[in-house]
Protein backbone atom coordinates (compact mmCIF):
# COMPACT_ATOMS: atom_id res chain seq x y z
CA MET A 1 -58.77 3.35 112.82
CA ALA A 2 -55.13 4.46 112.94
CA GLU A 3 -55.68 5.58 116.52
CA GLN A 4 -56.95 2.09 117.34
CA ARG A 5 -53.87 0.51 115.75
CA VAL A 6 -51.57 2.71 117.83
CA SER A 7 -53.44 1.77 120.99
CA SER A 8 -53.22 -1.93 120.17
CA SER A 9 -49.51 -1.62 119.46
CA ALA A 10 -48.93 0.19 122.72
CA LEU A 11 -50.92 -2.44 124.57
CA THR A 12 -48.90 -5.22 122.96
CA THR A 13 -45.63 -3.47 123.81
CA GLY A 14 -46.78 -3.00 127.37
CA MET A 15 -47.74 -6.66 127.69
CA LEU A 16 -44.40 -7.78 126.29
CA GLY A 17 -42.62 -5.43 128.66
CA ALA A 18 -44.54 -6.86 131.61
CA LEU A 19 -43.78 -10.40 130.50
CA ASP A 20 -40.10 -9.52 130.06
CA PHE A 21 -40.02 -7.97 133.54
CA LYS A 22 -41.63 -11.10 135.01
CA GLU A 23 -39.20 -13.37 133.16
CA ARG A 24 -36.23 -11.34 134.38
CA ASN A 25 -37.45 -11.68 137.95
CA MET A 26 -37.90 -15.43 137.85
CA LYS A 27 -35.16 -17.28 139.71
CA THR A 28 -33.75 -20.77 139.95
CA LEU A 29 -33.86 -22.01 143.53
CA LEU A 30 -32.01 -25.02 144.93
CA ILE A 31 -33.88 -26.17 148.03
CA THR A 32 -32.74 -29.09 150.16
CA GLY A 33 -35.42 -31.31 151.67
CA VAL A 34 -38.52 -30.55 149.60
CA SER A 35 -40.56 -33.61 150.52
CA SER A 36 -42.08 -32.13 153.68
CA GLY A 37 -42.28 -29.13 156.00
CA PHE A 38 -40.86 -25.74 155.05
CA GLY A 39 -39.03 -27.15 152.05
CA GLN A 40 -42.20 -28.57 150.55
CA ALA A 41 -44.22 -25.42 151.23
CA LEU A 42 -41.51 -23.17 149.79
CA ALA A 43 -41.06 -25.31 146.69
CA GLN A 44 -44.80 -25.32 146.01
CA GLN A 45 -45.14 -21.55 146.45
CA ALA A 46 -42.04 -20.84 144.36
CA LEU A 47 -43.35 -23.00 141.52
CA LYS A 48 -46.74 -21.32 141.79
CA ALA A 49 -45.01 -17.94 141.45
CA GLY A 50 -43.23 -19.09 138.28
CA HIS A 51 -39.76 -19.83 139.59
CA LYS A 52 -37.73 -22.91 138.69
CA VAL A 53 -37.03 -25.19 141.65
CA LEU A 54 -34.30 -27.79 142.00
CA GLY A 55 -35.23 -29.83 145.05
CA THR A 56 -33.38 -32.55 146.89
CA VAL A 57 -35.19 -35.58 148.29
CA ARG A 58 -34.13 -38.93 149.71
CA SER A 59 -36.38 -41.42 147.90
CA GLN A 60 -37.44 -42.20 144.36
CA ALA A 61 -41.11 -41.87 145.27
CA ALA A 62 -40.53 -38.35 146.60
CA LEU A 63 -38.49 -37.55 143.49
CA ASP A 64 -41.34 -38.58 141.19
CA SER A 65 -43.93 -36.67 143.22
CA PHE A 66 -41.86 -33.51 143.20
CA ALA A 67 -41.17 -33.56 139.45
CA ALA A 68 -44.90 -33.95 138.80
CA LEU A 69 -45.68 -30.65 140.55
CA ALA A 70 -44.54 -28.57 137.57
CA PRO A 71 -43.01 -30.49 134.67
CA GLY A 72 -40.17 -28.48 133.18
CA ARG A 73 -39.73 -26.29 136.26
CA ALA A 74 -39.59 -28.79 139.14
CA HIS A 75 -36.43 -30.87 138.97
CA GLY A 76 -35.63 -33.29 141.76
CA ALA A 77 -32.35 -34.87 142.81
CA LEU A 78 -31.65 -37.72 145.20
CA LEU A 79 -29.42 -36.53 148.02
CA ASP A 80 -28.67 -37.22 151.65
CA VAL A 81 -27.01 -33.98 152.77
CA THR A 82 -24.62 -35.97 154.97
CA ASP A 83 -23.12 -37.45 151.79
CA PHE A 84 -20.70 -34.54 151.70
CA ALA A 85 -18.49 -35.98 148.95
CA ARG A 86 -21.42 -36.14 146.50
CA ILE A 87 -22.54 -32.55 146.86
CA PRO A 88 -19.99 -30.70 144.61
CA ALA A 89 -20.61 -33.03 141.67
CA LEU A 90 -24.38 -32.81 142.13
CA VAL A 91 -24.32 -29.00 142.14
CA ALA A 92 -22.18 -29.01 138.99
CA GLU A 93 -24.57 -31.44 137.33
CA LEU A 94 -27.63 -29.39 138.27
CA GLU A 95 -26.16 -26.18 136.86
CA ALA A 96 -25.03 -27.94 133.69
CA ARG A 97 -28.57 -29.24 133.12
CA HIS A 98 -30.70 -26.38 134.38
CA GLY A 99 -28.58 -23.24 134.29
CA ALA A 100 -27.17 -21.03 137.00
CA ILE A 101 -28.64 -21.35 140.48
CA ASP A 102 -29.71 -17.98 141.91
CA VAL A 103 -30.78 -18.97 145.42
CA LEU A 104 -29.64 -21.75 147.74
CA VAL A 105 -32.08 -22.63 150.51
CA ASN A 106 -30.55 -24.92 153.13
CA ASN A 107 -33.73 -26.34 154.57
CA ALA A 108 -32.96 -30.04 155.18
CA GLY A 109 -32.85 -30.79 158.88
CA TYR A 110 -34.61 -32.42 161.79
CA GLY A 111 -34.98 -32.18 165.54
CA HIS A 112 -33.37 -34.52 168.05
CA GLU A 113 -35.00 -34.41 171.46
CA GLY A 114 -33.18 -35.86 174.43
CA ILE A 115 -31.71 -34.92 177.76
CA PHE A 116 -27.98 -34.33 177.27
CA GLU A 117 -26.96 -37.03 179.75
CA GLU A 118 -29.29 -39.56 178.12
CA ALA A 119 -28.45 -38.83 174.49
CA SER A 120 -25.58 -40.64 172.78
CA LEU A 121 -22.65 -38.91 171.13
CA GLU A 122 -23.67 -40.64 167.90
CA GLN A 123 -27.14 -39.05 168.05
CA MET A 124 -25.69 -35.63 168.74
CA ARG A 125 -23.06 -35.94 166.02
CA HIS A 126 -25.68 -36.89 163.44
CA GLN A 127 -27.77 -33.87 164.45
CA PHE A 128 -24.82 -31.65 163.57
CA ASP A 129 -24.04 -33.57 160.37
CA VAL A 130 -27.51 -32.91 159.01
CA ASN A 131 -28.40 -29.50 160.43
CA LEU A 132 -24.99 -27.85 160.21
CA TRP A 133 -22.42 -29.67 158.11
CA GLY A 134 -24.89 -30.57 155.36
CA ALA A 135 -25.69 -26.87 154.97
CA VAL A 136 -22.01 -25.96 155.09
CA ALA A 137 -21.20 -28.52 152.38
CA MET A 138 -23.92 -27.06 150.16
CA MET A 139 -22.53 -23.57 150.67
CA LYS A 140 -19.00 -24.78 149.96
CA ALA A 141 -20.18 -26.09 146.60
CA LEU A 142 -22.11 -22.97 145.59
CA VAL A 143 -20.20 -20.01 147.03
CA PRO A 144 -17.39 -20.16 144.39
CA ARG A 145 -20.03 -20.18 141.65
CA PHE A 146 -21.93 -17.27 143.20
CA ARG A 147 -18.68 -15.33 143.64
CA ALA A 148 -17.65 -15.89 140.02
CA ARG A 149 -21.04 -14.56 138.87
CA ARG A 150 -21.05 -11.77 141.48
CA ALA A 151 -24.61 -12.74 142.36
CA GLY A 152 -26.45 -15.12 144.65
CA HIS A 153 -28.51 -15.48 147.79
CA ILE A 154 -28.04 -18.09 150.50
CA ILE A 155 -30.92 -18.73 152.87
CA ASN A 156 -30.21 -20.95 155.85
CA ILE A 157 -33.28 -22.17 157.70
CA THR A 158 -32.28 -22.06 161.34
CA SER A 159 -34.77 -21.75 164.22
CA MET A 160 -35.70 -19.56 167.12
CA GLY A 161 -33.74 -22.35 168.81
CA GLY A 162 -30.71 -20.67 167.27
CA PHE A 163 -31.26 -17.82 169.74
CA ILE A 164 -33.10 -19.34 172.69
CA THR A 165 -32.75 -22.71 174.42
CA MET A 166 -34.92 -25.11 176.35
CA PRO A 167 -34.28 -28.40 178.18
CA GLY A 168 -34.07 -31.51 176.07
CA ILE A 169 -32.90 -30.15 172.72
CA SER A 170 -29.34 -29.07 173.50
CA ASP A 171 -27.74 -30.46 170.35
CA TYR A 172 -30.57 -29.18 168.14
CA CYS A 173 -30.18 -25.67 169.54
CA ALA A 174 -26.39 -25.91 169.33
CA SER A 175 -26.57 -26.89 165.65
CA LYS A 176 -28.85 -23.95 164.91
CA PHE A 177 -26.74 -21.51 166.95
CA ALA A 178 -23.77 -22.63 164.87
CA LEU A 179 -25.64 -22.20 161.58
CA GLU A 180 -26.65 -18.70 162.66
CA ALA A 181 -22.97 -17.91 163.27
CA PHE A 182 -21.89 -19.35 159.91
CA SER A 183 -24.60 -17.32 158.19
CA GLU A 184 -23.74 -14.03 159.89
CA THR A 185 -20.02 -14.41 159.24
CA LEU A 186 -20.56 -15.34 155.59
CA SER A 187 -22.87 -12.37 155.11
CA GLN A 188 -19.86 -10.19 155.94
CA GLU A 189 -17.37 -12.13 153.84
CA LEU A 190 -19.57 -12.28 150.74
CA ALA A 191 -21.28 -8.88 150.75
CA GLY A 192 -18.61 -7.39 148.48
CA PHE A 193 -19.47 -9.95 145.80
CA ASN A 194 -23.19 -9.10 145.73
CA ILE A 195 -24.00 -12.34 147.57
CA ALA A 196 -26.58 -12.10 150.34
CA VAL A 197 -26.75 -14.55 153.23
CA THR A 198 -29.85 -14.67 155.42
CA ALA A 199 -30.47 -16.87 158.44
CA VAL A 200 -34.24 -17.41 158.63
CA ALA A 201 -35.31 -18.45 162.12
CA PRO A 202 -38.87 -19.79 162.36
CA GLY A 203 -40.80 -20.13 165.57
CA SER A 204 -43.43 -22.85 166.05
CA PHE A 205 -45.05 -23.87 162.77
CA ARG A 206 -47.45 -26.61 161.75
CA THR A 207 -44.84 -28.92 160.27
CA ASP A 208 -43.78 -32.45 161.24
CA TRP A 209 -40.78 -31.15 163.20
CA ALA A 210 -42.24 -32.11 166.58
CA GLY A 211 -44.17 -35.08 165.19
CA ARG A 212 -43.02 -37.97 163.03
CA SER A 213 -39.83 -36.18 161.94
CA MET A 214 -38.45 -35.79 165.46
CA VAL A 215 -35.95 -38.32 166.79
CA ARG A 216 -36.45 -38.87 170.52
CA SER A 217 -33.98 -40.43 172.92
CA GLU A 218 -35.35 -42.93 175.41
CA ARG A 219 -35.81 -41.71 178.97
CA ALA A 220 -33.56 -43.43 181.50
CA ILE A 221 -32.67 -41.13 184.41
CA ALA A 222 -35.46 -40.41 186.86
CA ASP A 223 -33.73 -37.31 188.23
CA TYR A 224 -34.82 -35.44 185.09
CA ASP A 225 -38.48 -36.49 185.15
CA ALA A 226 -39.84 -33.40 186.87
CA LEU A 227 -37.92 -31.05 184.57
CA PHE A 228 -38.34 -32.71 181.21
CA ASP A 229 -41.41 -34.93 181.10
CA PRO A 230 -43.83 -31.95 181.05
CA VAL A 231 -41.75 -30.35 178.26
CA ARG A 232 -41.89 -33.48 176.08
CA GLN A 233 -45.61 -33.96 176.75
CA ALA A 234 -46.46 -30.35 175.93
CA ARG A 235 -44.45 -30.49 172.68
CA GLN A 236 -46.23 -33.66 171.56
CA GLN A 237 -49.67 -32.26 172.42
CA LYS A 238 -48.96 -29.01 170.55
CA SER A 239 -47.71 -30.72 167.39
CA GLY A 240 -49.95 -29.83 164.47
CA LYS A 241 -51.63 -27.01 166.39
CA GLN A 242 -48.85 -24.43 166.28
CA LEU A 243 -49.56 -20.82 165.40
CA GLY A 244 -47.37 -20.65 162.30
CA ALA A 245 -48.62 -21.56 158.80
CA PRO A 246 -45.92 -23.08 156.54
CA GLN A 247 -47.48 -21.51 153.43
CA LYS A 248 -47.15 -18.05 154.95
CA ALA A 249 -43.54 -18.78 155.86
CA ALA A 250 -42.95 -19.73 152.22
CA GLU A 251 -44.54 -16.49 151.04
CA ALA A 252 -42.30 -14.53 153.42
CA ILE A 253 -39.18 -16.25 152.09
CA LEU A 254 -40.20 -15.51 148.50
CA ALA A 255 -40.62 -11.85 149.48
CA LEU A 256 -37.16 -12.02 151.03
CA ILE A 257 -35.42 -13.27 147.88
CA SER A 258 -36.98 -10.50 145.80
CA HIS A 259 -35.78 -7.74 148.13
CA PRO A 260 -32.72 -5.74 146.97
CA LYS A 261 -31.23 -5.59 150.48
CA PRO A 262 -32.23 -8.71 152.44
CA PRO A 263 -31.30 -8.86 156.14
CA ALA A 264 -28.68 -11.13 157.67
CA HIS A 265 -31.27 -12.44 160.16
CA LEU A 266 -35.02 -12.83 159.84
CA LEU A 267 -37.39 -14.23 162.46
CA LEU A 268 -40.62 -15.85 161.33
CA GLY A 269 -43.59 -15.93 163.70
CA SER A 270 -44.77 -13.69 166.49
CA ASP A 271 -43.73 -16.30 169.07
CA ALA A 272 -40.17 -16.26 167.76
CA LEU A 273 -40.11 -12.47 167.91
CA ALA A 274 -41.41 -12.34 171.49
CA LEU A 275 -39.13 -15.08 172.82
CA VAL A 276 -35.98 -13.80 171.12
CA GLN A 277 -36.66 -10.23 172.26
CA GLN A 278 -37.13 -11.57 175.79
CA LYS A 279 -33.83 -13.44 175.55
CA LEU A 280 -31.97 -10.34 174.31
CA ALA A 281 -33.45 -8.23 177.10
CA SER A 282 -32.42 -10.82 179.67
CA LEU A 283 -28.88 -10.94 178.28
CA GLY A 284 -28.64 -7.15 178.34
CA ALA A 285 -29.77 -7.04 181.97
CA SER A 286 -27.26 -9.73 182.95
CA PHE A 287 -24.40 -8.00 181.16
CA GLU A 288 -25.31 -4.75 182.90
CA GLU A 289 -25.47 -6.43 186.32
CA TRP A 290 -22.03 -7.99 185.90
CA GLN A 291 -20.30 -5.20 184.04
CA ALA A 292 -18.01 -4.27 186.94
CA LEU A 293 -16.50 -7.78 186.96
CA THR A 294 -16.41 -7.76 183.17
CA ARG A 295 -14.43 -4.50 183.11
CA SER A 296 -12.11 -5.61 185.91
CA THR A 297 -10.04 -7.72 183.51
CA ASP A 298 -8.80 -4.74 181.47
CA GLY A 299 -5.06 -4.23 181.98
C-alpha cells in the first residue's frame, strides 16, 4: 500500500513537472495580419499548441472572429501597419494588458503586380509602406523592450522574391530584398542581447497572395505583352494550386521559435530552395567570369 502511495506521488510530481515545463515553453506571439494567409495559419497553429497570440487585423469583423478562436489566449487589435504613429502606443498597450511579448512575427503584406513602366509611384510607395516600413515600425517599437529583457525573437516573413526576381513584381521583390537586409543586419546588432532575428522566405504556397489579395496594375504598353502576359496568366492559373501548405509553414515557424539557435535566414518550400540555390550558383559563376575586371580596381 505504501509502495502504491509512493508511485502515485511520483506520478503526480512527474505530471506537475511536465505541466510546468510546458507552461515555461509557452510564448506570447504578436503576429501582424492574422485574418488570412500565413498569419492566419500561424495564429491557429500557435493557439492549438497552447501559445498566447496577439494578432492585428483591419476590421471589427476580423477582430471578433479572431478572438473567438481561443478566448483568453487570442487577443486581437485593430491596426493598419502603415499607421506608423499608432504602433508604439499599441505595443505598449498590448504588453500592459497581456504581459511581455516573446515573439514578433511581421507577416502583414501583399503583392503588387505590374510592369515597372506601367506602375505608378504611388502604387510602388504603398508596397514599401506595407511590406517594409510597417515591419520596421513594429521592430522599432519592440526592439527596446526585447533589449531591456535580454530576450526576444523577431520573425520577418519575406519571400523567395527577396532573393530571386521575375518580370512584373519589381517593387514587391525590392521590398522583400530590403526586409531581408534589415533582418540580417539586425540579427548581427541584436545577437549580444539574446535577441534572434530570422527572415523566413516562403516559396509558392496556397494563400491568397496571387489571388484576391494581389493588387494588379492595368496593362497599357503593348511592347511588354510578349514578356509579361504569359507570366500574369500563369500566376493566375496557378493560384490555389501551389505546392506549399500554409499549415505546414506554420508548423515550421513554431519549430523555429522553439529552437535555441534559430538561423538568420530560412527558406520554406522545395521550390524556394531550388530557385534560390540556382540564383546563388548563377551569381557565383558571373562573379567568377568577371573577376579580372573586379580586381582591376584595386589601387
